[in-house]
Structures are given as structure tokens and as C-alpha cells.
Amino acid sequence: MDAAIIAESQYDEDMLDVTAIVDESAGADGILVKNDINSIADLKGKTVGVSINQTSHYLLMQALETAGLTDADVDLVNMTSSDAGVSFISGDLDAAVTWEPYLSNAVEQGVGKLIFSSKDAPVSILIKELLRSQWNRHNYWQKNNSRIRLLLTDIVV
């Protein structure tokens, strides 16, 4: 991103259109489960703390897909990734999609285990979904530019 901003600063007009900023987690995000849950399929009907419509939700959807499940097959509790980690360690959830240090803390305390992590997730799927979303928004803007500008002018003026 820094290189793109520096390159953009060399020109008088806006030439840069950032489509997506992608960060590869490489295992720092994951799904914690109670010790009696042995597979992703065992999550069916369980309560899962997750930040809905965020990367942790996408990670959960990827994991569920490997077992032929969707997020409709689990009871989602919308919360931040940090709150999910704390709630899981406190025993309030069957599973949580969270990050470090909650992943390591839960395992070290013996309250759960890591069943799926961002190391297991094919990054290309997540990137593809993010880029598709950005592309659709960009295309909508391009096709409806004059209408959007008119609407914004009416709102601002």
C-alpha cells in the first residue's frame, strides 16, 4: 500500500483505485472448540461466537464448507473476535472464531482446542470473495456515476 501511495503522489491527478488490501494471517486466526468437539461437522447445532460479516465470519464459512455445512447450521452469536475469545475461555460458547492470544490461551488453559486456522484456509477463496465484492461495487459506480453524483449533490447542497 505504501508503494501505491508514493506512486500516486508523483501525479497531479488521482490515478490510483485501491481495489483491496489483503493481509494473510498464516495461522493467527482460528476456530476454538470445546474439547469434546472433534470435527468441524460436530459444530452443527453448536453456539459459535464470531464477528459477522468480518474476516472471522469468512474463515468460519470456509471451515463449515469443508464439512458440508453453512453458517445456518450453527447458532451464531455476533461479537468481536476478542469478545469471542474471552467468552469461549469463560465457557460461554461451544466454539469461537478468534485470534491470538486467545487461541494459545485457551489451549494452554485446557479449556479447548484449535480445530481450524487461517493456515487451513485457502487464501485464494477469501481474496476472490473480497475482490468480487469490490469489483461489483466498482462496476455499479461506473454504470451509475451520473445518477450517484446527482444524488450526492442533492444531499450535500
Protein backbone atom coordinates (compact mmCIF):
# COMPACT_ATOMS: atom_id res chain seq x y z
CA MET A 1 0.00 0.00 0.00
CA ASP A 2 2.82 2.42 0.82
CA ALA A 3 4.33 1.93 -2.64
CA ALA A 4 0.98 2.71 -4.26
CA ILE A 5 0.56 5.90 -2.24
CA ILE A 6 4.09 7.04 -3.11
CA ALA A 7 3.49 6.32 -6.80
CA GLU A 8 0.18 8.21 -6.69
CA SER A 9 1.86 11.25 -5.14
CA GLN A 10 4.01 11.63 -8.26
CA TYR A 11 0.99 12.69 -10.35
CA ASP A 12 -1.27 15.75 -10.27
CA GLU A 13 -4.50 13.79 -10.69
CA ASP A 14 -5.96 10.78 -8.97
CA MET A 15 -4.88 7.70 -10.86
CA LEU A 16 -4.98 5.14 -8.09
CA ASP A 17 -8.01 2.98 -7.39
CA VAL A 18 -7.39 0.66 -4.44
CA THR A 19 -9.42 -2.48 -5.02
CA ALA A 20 -8.46 -4.41 -1.92
CA ILE A 21 -5.96 -4.55 0.89
CA VAL A 22 -5.19 -8.15 1.73
CA ASP A 23 -3.50 -9.45 4.84
CA GLU A 24 -2.52 -13.10 5.14
CA SER A 25 -2.99 -14.38 8.67
CA ALA A 26 -0.97 -17.63 8.33
CA GLY A 27 -2.49 -19.23 11.42
CA ALA A 28 -3.01 -16.27 13.75
CA ASP A 29 -6.80 -16.55 13.33
CA GLY A 30 -8.67 -19.72 14.11
CA ILE A 31 -11.64 -21.60 15.47
CA LEU A 32 -11.54 -22.78 19.05
CA VAL A 33 -13.83 -25.60 20.13
CA LYS A 34 -14.63 -27.32 23.40
CA ASN A 35 -12.55 -30.43 23.99
CA ASP A 36 -15.47 -32.78 23.25
CA ILE A 37 -15.85 -31.42 19.70
CA ASN A 38 -13.67 -33.44 17.35
CA SER A 39 -14.50 -32.19 13.87
CA ILE A 40 -15.98 -29.26 12.01
CA ALA A 41 -19.07 -31.42 11.38
CA ASP A 42 -19.55 -31.63 15.17
CA LEU A 43 -20.25 -27.87 15.18
CA LYS A 44 -23.74 -28.49 13.78
CA GLY A 45 -26.24 -27.00 16.24
CA LYS A 46 -23.49 -25.54 18.44
CA THR A 47 -23.15 -21.94 19.63
CA VAL A 48 -20.31 -20.11 17.86
CA GLY A 49 -19.06 -16.63 18.75
CA VAL A 50 -17.99 -14.79 15.61
CA SER A 51 -17.77 -11.28 14.22
CA ILE A 52 -20.41 -11.50 11.49
CA ASN A 53 -19.52 -10.12 8.04
CA GLN A 54 -15.87 -9.80 9.00
CA THR A 55 -12.90 -11.96 8.06
CA SER A 56 -13.54 -14.26 11.01
CA HIS A 57 -17.01 -14.99 9.62
CA TYR A 58 -15.48 -15.84 6.24
CA LEU A 59 -13.00 -18.13 7.98
CA LEU A 60 -15.88 -19.90 9.73
CA MET A 61 -17.77 -20.26 6.45
CA GLN A 62 -14.70 -21.80 4.83
CA ALA A 63 -14.33 -24.28 7.68
CA LEU A 64 -18.02 -25.19 7.65
CA GLU A 65 -17.89 -25.70 3.90
CA THR A 66 -15.23 -28.40 4.34
CA ALA A 67 -17.82 -30.38 6.34
CA GLY A 68 -20.72 -29.66 4.01
CA LEU A 69 -22.25 -27.16 6.44
CA THR A 70 -23.18 -23.48 6.23
CA ASP A 71 -23.43 -20.82 8.90
CA ALA A 72 -27.17 -21.59 9.05
CA ASP A 73 -26.23 -24.96 10.60
CA VAL A 74 -24.74 -23.32 13.70
CA ASP A 75 -26.06 -20.83 16.24
CA LEU A 76 -24.08 -17.66 15.53
CA VAL A 77 -23.51 -15.12 18.29
CA ASN A 78 -22.30 -11.82 16.81
CA MET A 79 -19.42 -10.35 18.81
CA THR A 80 -15.93 -9.02 18.27
CA SER A 81 -13.15 -11.54 17.82
CA SER A 82 -11.67 -10.51 21.17
CA ASP A 83 -15.01 -10.93 22.94
CA ALA A 84 -15.42 -14.33 21.29
CA GLY A 85 -12.06 -15.40 22.71
CA VAL A 86 -12.92 -14.18 26.20
CA SER A 87 -16.41 -15.72 26.11
CA PHE A 88 -15.03 -19.04 24.92
CA ILE A 89 -12.38 -19.21 27.64
CA SER A 90 -15.11 -18.33 30.18
CA GLY A 91 -17.12 -21.33 29.00
CA ASP A 92 -20.00 -19.36 27.48
CA LEU A 93 -19.60 -20.70 23.92
CA ASP A 94 -19.16 -24.09 22.26
CA ALA A 95 -16.80 -22.52 19.73
CA ALA A 96 -15.26 -19.16 18.90
CA VAL A 97 -13.61 -17.63 15.88
CA THR A 98 -10.85 -15.51 17.34
CA TRP A 99 -7.15 -14.74 17.17
CA GLU A 100 -4.02 -14.71 19.28
CA PRO A 101 -3.51 -14.62 22.21
CA TYR A 102 -6.92 -16.23 22.80
CA LEU A 103 -6.08 -19.24 20.64
CA SER A 104 -2.96 -20.10 22.64
CA ASN A 105 -4.50 -19.15 25.99
CA ALA A 106 -7.48 -21.49 25.54
CA VAL A 107 -5.26 -24.39 24.54
CA GLU A 108 -2.74 -23.75 27.35
CA GLN A 109 -5.55 -23.50 29.93
CA GLY A 110 -7.03 -26.76 28.67
CA VAL A 111 -10.46 -25.26 28.00
CA GLY A 112 -10.45 -26.00 24.29
CA LYS A 113 -8.55 -26.84 21.17
CA LEU A 114 -7.83 -25.27 17.83
CA ILE A 115 -9.77 -27.15 15.18
CA PHE A 116 -9.23 -24.89 12.14
CA SER A 117 -6.98 -21.92 11.49
CA SER A 118 -6.18 -19.50 8.73
CA LYS A 119 -3.32 -21.86 7.83
CA ASP A 120 -6.01 -24.34 6.79
CA ALA A 121 -7.98 -21.80 4.78
CA PRO A 122 -7.22 -21.36 1.11
CA VAL A 123 -6.39 -17.66 0.96
CA SER A 124 -7.37 -17.50 -2.69
CA ILE A 125 -11.03 -18.13 -1.81
CA LEU A 126 -11.14 -15.25 0.63
CA ILE A 127 -9.27 -12.95 -1.74
CA LYS A 128 -11.60 -13.96 -4.56
CA GLU A 129 -14.67 -13.07 -2.50
CA LEU A 130 -13.21 -9.74 -1.41
CA LEU A 131 -12.22 -8.82 -4.94
CA ARG A 132 -15.59 -9.89 -6.34
CA SER A 133 -17.32 -7.61 -3.84
CA GLN A 134 -15.05 -4.69 -4.71
CA TRP A 135 -15.42 -5.32 -8.43
CA ASN A 136 -19.22 -5.33 -8.21
CA ARG A 137 -19.21 -2.07 -6.27
CA HIS A 138 -16.77 -0.51 -8.75
CA ASN A 139 -18.90 -1.64 -11.71
CA TYR A 140 -22.04 -0.21 -10.11
CA TRP A 141 -20.29 3.12 -9.62
CA GLN A 142 -19.08 3.15 -13.22
CA LYS A 143 -22.52 2.33 -14.64
CA ASN A 144 -24.41 4.77 -12.41
CA ASN A 145 -21.85 7.53 -11.99
CA SER A 146 -24.06 10.42 -13.10
CA ARG A 147 -27.04 9.24 -11.01
CA ILE A 148 -24.86 8.81 -7.92
CA ARG A 149 -23.27 12.23 -8.37
CA LEU A 150 -26.73 13.81 -8.76
CA LEU A 151 -27.96 12.08 -5.61
CA LEU A 152 -24.90 13.14 -3.63
CA THR A 153 -25.23 16.71 -4.91
CA ASP A 154 -28.85 16.80 -3.73
CA ILE A 155 -27.82 15.53 -0.31
CA VAL A 156 -24.84 17.84 0.16
CA VAL A 157 -26.29 21.03 -1.33
